[in-house]
Amino acid sequence: MTPFIAEVLGSMILILLGCGVCANVNLKDTLGNNGGWLLINLAWGLAVFCGVIVAGPVSGAHLNPAVSIGLAIAGKFPWADVGPYIIAQCIGGVLGILLLWISYFDHFKRTTDLDAKLGTFSTGPAISSPIINFLAEAIATFVLVFIILYIAGPTFISSGMSDVNIGLGSVGAIPVALLVVVIGMALGGTTGYSINPMRDFIPRVMHTILPIGEKRDSNWGYSWVPTLGPFAGGAFAGLLFIML
């Protein structure tokens, strides 16, 4: 498996499971209907965990354009690979939403709350205040990328003629998963915490084009907030890491 394919698959799993919990909570007649904010926070963290398990050993599991940009600014990732990684993440997002659409096809048709349908795909503010919403997304993404930069990688010890990688295996994905959970619980109540330009932009595109029965507009006037805010937060995290 190549890093490109790993980012596609990891991003697909992230969006399928992450937006999947939004569908389970928001759509009519699901078994998880009205499951609440805690369910969403926990499931998004576990969605990250699952995506990182698949992609981590091959690509490093960015699964997020803001992470790729932040790591590149910090000197932890080659700039030449940023574009291919972002393309792979977007392809994975499209595939994840398509699988979600198939899984909840009947529930989309039964749901008459058009805002709930949109909320399955994309984020929105609790209080509409674009500049504050932008700053909230930037701050939350700064926390995400800055702490990722300080998460320790595996260590190496000499063993005869070769080095032995001493790490936690798949369990090493847990710190990032817990980080996403606490960001959602602590900072996500203002905007729904996109903290990932692909996570909001690609599902919003899919909301626009997929047949899901009656639907409202995709609120493109707000879309710059969960797209540009994470980029700004990730870039600032990379710059501060260099300064420190």
Protein backbone atom coordinates (compact mmCIF):
# COMPACT_ATOMS: atom_id res chain seq x y z
CA MET A 1 0.00 0.00 0.00
CA THR A 2 1.32 3.44 -0.96
CA PRO A 3 1.02 6.57 1.21
CA PHE A 4 -1.53 7.96 -1.30
CA ILE A 5 -3.77 4.90 -0.99
CA ALA A 6 -3.31 4.88 2.77
CA GLU A 7 -4.54 8.47 3.01
CA VAL A 8 -7.51 7.62 0.77
CA LEU A 9 -8.51 4.64 2.90
CA GLY A 10 -7.88 6.32 6.24
CA SER A 11 -9.86 9.40 5.20
CA MET A 12 -12.67 7.24 3.87
CA ILE A 13 -12.97 5.46 7.22
CA LEU A 14 -12.75 8.76 9.13
CA ILE A 15 -15.61 10.36 7.19
CA LEU A 16 -17.76 7.20 7.02
CA LEU A 17 -17.65 6.72 10.79
CA GLY A 18 -17.49 10.40 11.81
CA CYS A 19 -20.31 11.64 9.62
CA GLY A 20 -21.95 8.28 10.28
CA VAL A 21 -22.53 9.14 13.92
CA CYS A 22 -24.02 12.47 12.81
CA ALA A 23 -26.43 10.54 10.59
CA ASN A 24 -27.27 8.14 13.41
CA VAL A 25 -28.07 11.02 15.77
CA ASN A 26 -29.77 13.38 13.29
CA LEU A 27 -31.79 11.25 10.90
CA LYS A 28 -35.31 9.99 11.56
CA ASP A 29 -36.03 6.47 12.80
CA THR A 30 -32.42 5.47 13.40
CA LEU A 31 -31.68 3.50 16.57
CA GLY A 32 -29.34 6.29 17.69
CA ASN A 33 -31.69 9.20 16.99
CA ASN A 34 -31.15 12.06 19.46
CA GLY A 35 -28.15 10.24 20.93
CA GLY A 36 -26.62 13.56 21.87
CA TRP A 37 -23.38 15.48 21.87
CA LEU A 38 -21.39 12.99 23.96
CA LEU A 39 -22.10 10.19 21.49
CA ILE A 40 -20.92 12.40 18.63
CA ASN A 41 -17.73 13.38 20.44
CA LEU A 42 -16.80 9.81 21.35
CA ALA A 43 -17.57 8.44 17.90
CA TRP A 44 -15.51 11.13 16.13
CA GLY A 45 -12.55 10.30 18.35
CA LEU A 46 -12.94 6.61 17.60
CA ALA A 47 -13.33 7.39 13.89
CA VAL A 48 -9.94 9.09 14.02
CA PHE A 49 -8.54 6.07 15.87
CA CYS A 50 -9.77 3.70 13.14
CA GLY A 51 -8.47 5.87 10.32
CA VAL A 52 -5.07 6.21 11.98
CA ILE A 53 -4.81 2.44 12.51
CA VAL A 54 -5.20 1.85 8.77
CA ALA A 55 -3.13 4.73 7.40
CA GLY A 56 -0.63 5.41 10.16
CA PRO A 57 2.00 2.77 9.38
CA VAL A 58 2.19 3.82 5.72
CA SER A 59 1.42 7.54 5.43
CA GLY A 60 1.56 8.81 8.99
CA ALA A 61 -2.24 9.20 8.86
CA HIS A 62 -2.65 12.94 8.34
CA LEU A 63 -6.27 12.52 7.14
CA ASN A 64 -6.55 16.29 7.34
CA PRO A 65 -5.17 19.02 5.04
CA ALA A 66 -4.58 21.30 8.03
CA VAL A 67 -2.36 18.64 9.60
CA SER A 68 -0.39 18.22 6.36
CA ILE A 69 0.12 21.98 6.09
CA GLY A 70 1.03 22.36 9.76
CA LEU A 71 3.58 19.53 9.65
CA ALA A 72 5.13 20.92 6.48
CA ILE A 73 5.50 24.40 8.02
CA ALA A 74 7.08 22.79 11.10
CA GLY A 75 9.59 21.01 8.88
CA LYS A 76 8.18 17.58 9.74
CA PHE A 77 6.78 16.78 6.29
CA PRO A 78 8.00 17.52 2.74
CA TRP A 79 6.11 20.27 0.92
CA ALA A 80 6.20 18.24 -2.29
CA ASP A 81 3.91 15.66 -0.69
CA VAL A 82 1.32 18.11 0.64
CA GLY A 83 -0.66 18.35 -2.61
CA PRO A 84 -0.91 14.57 -3.21
CA TYR A 85 -1.89 14.02 0.43
CA ILE A 86 -4.69 16.58 0.23
CA ILE A 87 -5.98 15.08 -3.03
CA ALA A 88 -5.96 11.62 -1.43
CA GLN A 89 -7.81 12.92 1.63
CA CYS A 90 -10.50 14.48 -0.56
CA ILE A 91 -10.96 11.28 -2.57
CA GLY A 92 -11.31 9.36 0.67
CA GLY A 93 -13.90 11.87 1.89
CA VAL A 94 -16.01 11.37 -1.24
CA LEU A 95 -15.88 7.59 -0.85
CA GLY A 96 -16.78 7.81 2.83
CA ILE A 97 -19.85 9.93 2.14
CA LEU A 98 -20.97 7.62 -0.66
CA LEU A 99 -20.84 4.64 1.70
CA LEU A 100 -22.68 6.65 4.35
CA TRP A 101 -25.37 7.64 1.84
CA ILE A 102 -25.94 4.00 0.93
CA SER A 103 -26.06 2.92 4.58
CA TYR A 104 -28.65 5.56 5.58
CA PHE A 105 -30.51 5.80 2.27
CA ASP A 106 -33.95 5.00 3.72
CA HIS A 107 -33.44 7.31 6.69
CA PHE A 108 -32.53 10.24 4.46
CA LYS A 109 -35.83 9.73 2.64
CA ARG A 110 -37.83 9.61 5.91
CA THR A 111 -36.20 12.69 7.48
CA THR A 112 -38.21 15.88 7.04
CA ASP A 113 -35.93 18.10 9.13
CA LEU A 114 -33.81 19.66 6.40
CA ASP A 115 -31.34 21.22 8.86
CA ALA A 116 -30.77 17.78 10.38
CA LYS A 117 -29.98 16.41 6.95
CA LEU A 118 -27.42 19.15 6.36
CA GLY A 119 -25.97 18.55 9.83
CA THR A 120 -25.27 14.97 8.84
CA PHE A 121 -22.86 16.25 6.20
CA SER A 122 -21.40 19.54 7.42
CA THR A 123 -20.87 21.69 10.48
CA GLY A 124 -22.67 24.84 11.54
CA PRO A 125 -22.40 27.42 14.33
CA ALA A 126 -24.46 27.44 17.51
CA ILE A 127 -24.43 31.25 17.27
CA SER A 128 -23.78 32.73 13.85
CA SER A 129 -20.86 35.15 14.19
CA PRO A 130 -18.52 34.51 11.26
CA ILE A 131 -15.36 36.13 12.63
CA ILE A 132 -15.73 34.53 16.07
CA ASN A 133 -16.67 31.23 14.41
CA PHE A 134 -13.53 31.46 12.26
CA LEU A 135 -11.37 32.13 15.31
CA ALA A 136 -12.99 29.24 17.18
CA GLU A 137 -12.17 26.84 14.34
CA ALA A 138 -8.62 28.22 14.14
CA ILE A 139 -8.08 27.83 17.89
CA ALA A 140 -9.43 24.26 17.97
CA THR A 141 -7.29 23.24 15.00
CA PHE A 142 -4.25 24.94 16.51
CA VAL A 143 -4.68 22.74 19.58
CA LEU A 144 -5.03 19.65 17.38
CA VAL A 145 -1.94 20.24 15.24
CA PHE A 146 0.26 21.71 17.99
CA ILE A 147 -0.29 18.72 20.28
CA ILE A 148 0.15 16.26 17.40
CA LEU A 149 3.59 17.81 16.87
CA TYR A 150 4.49 16.89 20.44
CA ILE A 151 3.10 13.36 20.45
CA ALA A 152 6.15 11.10 20.76
CA GLY A 153 6.86 8.64 18.00
CA PRO A 154 8.38 5.19 18.42
CA THR A 155 11.86 4.82 19.89
CA PHE A 156 14.66 2.69 18.53
CA ILE A 157 17.19 0.51 20.30
CA SER A 158 20.22 -1.18 18.81
CA SER A 159 19.96 -4.95 18.45
CA GLY A 160 23.01 -6.45 16.82
CA MET A 161 23.13 -5.48 13.16
CA SER A 162 19.71 -3.77 13.05
CA ASP A 163 17.53 -1.40 15.02
CA VAL A 164 14.37 -2.54 16.76
CA ASN A 165 11.31 -0.28 16.64
CA ILE A 166 9.86 -0.05 20.15
CA GLY A 167 6.35 1.42 19.90
CA LEU A 168 2.77 0.70 20.84
CA GLY A 169 1.56 -0.63 17.51
CA SER A 170 -2.08 0.23 16.80
CA VAL A 171 -2.50 1.43 20.38
CA GLY A 172 -0.31 4.37 19.37
CA ALA A 173 -3.38 5.82 17.64
CA ILE A 174 -5.11 6.34 20.98
CA PRO A 175 -3.48 9.71 21.89
CA VAL A 176 -4.78 11.42 18.73
CA ALA A 177 -8.22 9.88 19.24
CA LEU A 178 -8.39 11.18 22.81
CA LEU A 179 -7.17 14.57 21.60
CA VAL A 180 -10.07 14.81 19.14
CA VAL A 181 -12.53 13.77 21.86
CA VAL A 182 -11.38 16.46 24.29
CA ILE A 183 -11.37 19.12 21.55
CA GLY A 184 -14.97 18.23 20.75
CA MET A 185 -16.03 18.28 24.39
CA ALA A 186 -14.15 21.45 25.31
CA LEU A 187 -14.15 23.57 22.15
CA GLY A 188 -16.63 22.01 19.75
CA GLY A 189 -19.84 23.50 21.09
CA THR A 190 -19.44 26.76 19.20
CA THR A 191 -19.07 25.55 15.60
CA GLY A 192 -19.36 21.78 15.63
CA TYR A 193 -15.54 21.57 15.38
CA SER A 194 -14.68 20.88 11.78
CA ILE A 195 -10.92 21.15 12.60
CA ASN A 196 -10.39 19.62 9.15
CA PRO A 197 -11.07 21.46 5.86
CA MET A 198 -11.77 18.19 4.06
CA ARG A 199 -14.20 17.02 6.75
CA ASP A 200 -16.53 19.93 6.07
CA PHE A 201 -15.93 20.90 2.43
CA ILE A 202 -16.21 17.47 0.79
CA PRO A 203 -19.38 16.37 2.66
CA ARG A 204 -20.92 19.78 1.92
CA VAL A 205 -20.25 19.22 -1.79
CA MET A 206 -21.82 15.77 -1.52
CA HIS A 207 -24.87 17.24 0.24
CA THR A 208 -25.27 19.53 -2.75
CA ILE A 209 -25.16 16.79 -5.38
CA LEU A 210 -26.52 13.61 -3.78
CA PRO A 211 -30.23 12.70 -4.01
CA ILE A 212 -31.35 12.57 -0.38
CA GLY A 213 -34.97 13.55 -0.85
CA GLU A 214 -36.07 17.07 0.00
CA LYS A 215 -33.17 19.21 1.18
CA ARG A 216 -32.27 22.80 1.93
CA ASP A 217 -29.38 24.80 0.48
CA SER A 218 -25.90 23.69 1.59
CA ASN A 219 -25.14 26.98 3.39
CA TRP A 220 -22.14 27.77 1.21
CA GLY A 221 -22.05 31.28 2.62
CA TYR A 222 -20.73 29.82 5.88
CA SER A 223 -18.43 27.22 4.31
CA TRP A 224 -15.32 29.44 4.36
CA VAL A 225 -15.28 29.30 8.16
CA PRO A 226 -14.76 25.53 8.63
CA THR A 227 -12.48 25.47 5.58
CA LEU A 228 -10.12 28.41 6.13
CA GLY A 229 -10.24 28.42 9.95
CA PRO A 230 -8.54 25.01 10.25
CA PHE A 231 -5.90 25.99 7.69
CA ALA A 232 -5.10 29.10 9.73
CA GLY A 233 -4.95 27.16 13.00
CA GLY A 234 -2.75 24.43 11.54
CA ALA A 235 -0.36 26.95 9.99
CA PHE A 236 -0.02 28.88 13.26
CA ALA A 237 0.68 25.65 15.14
CA GLY A 238 3.51 24.87 12.72
CA LEU A 239 4.97 28.36 13.03
CA LEU A 240 4.85 28.32 16.84
CA PHE A 241 6.48 24.90 16.91
CA ILE A 242 9.41 26.29 14.89
CA MET A 243 9.70 29.34 17.14
CA LEU A 244 9.83 27.18 20.26
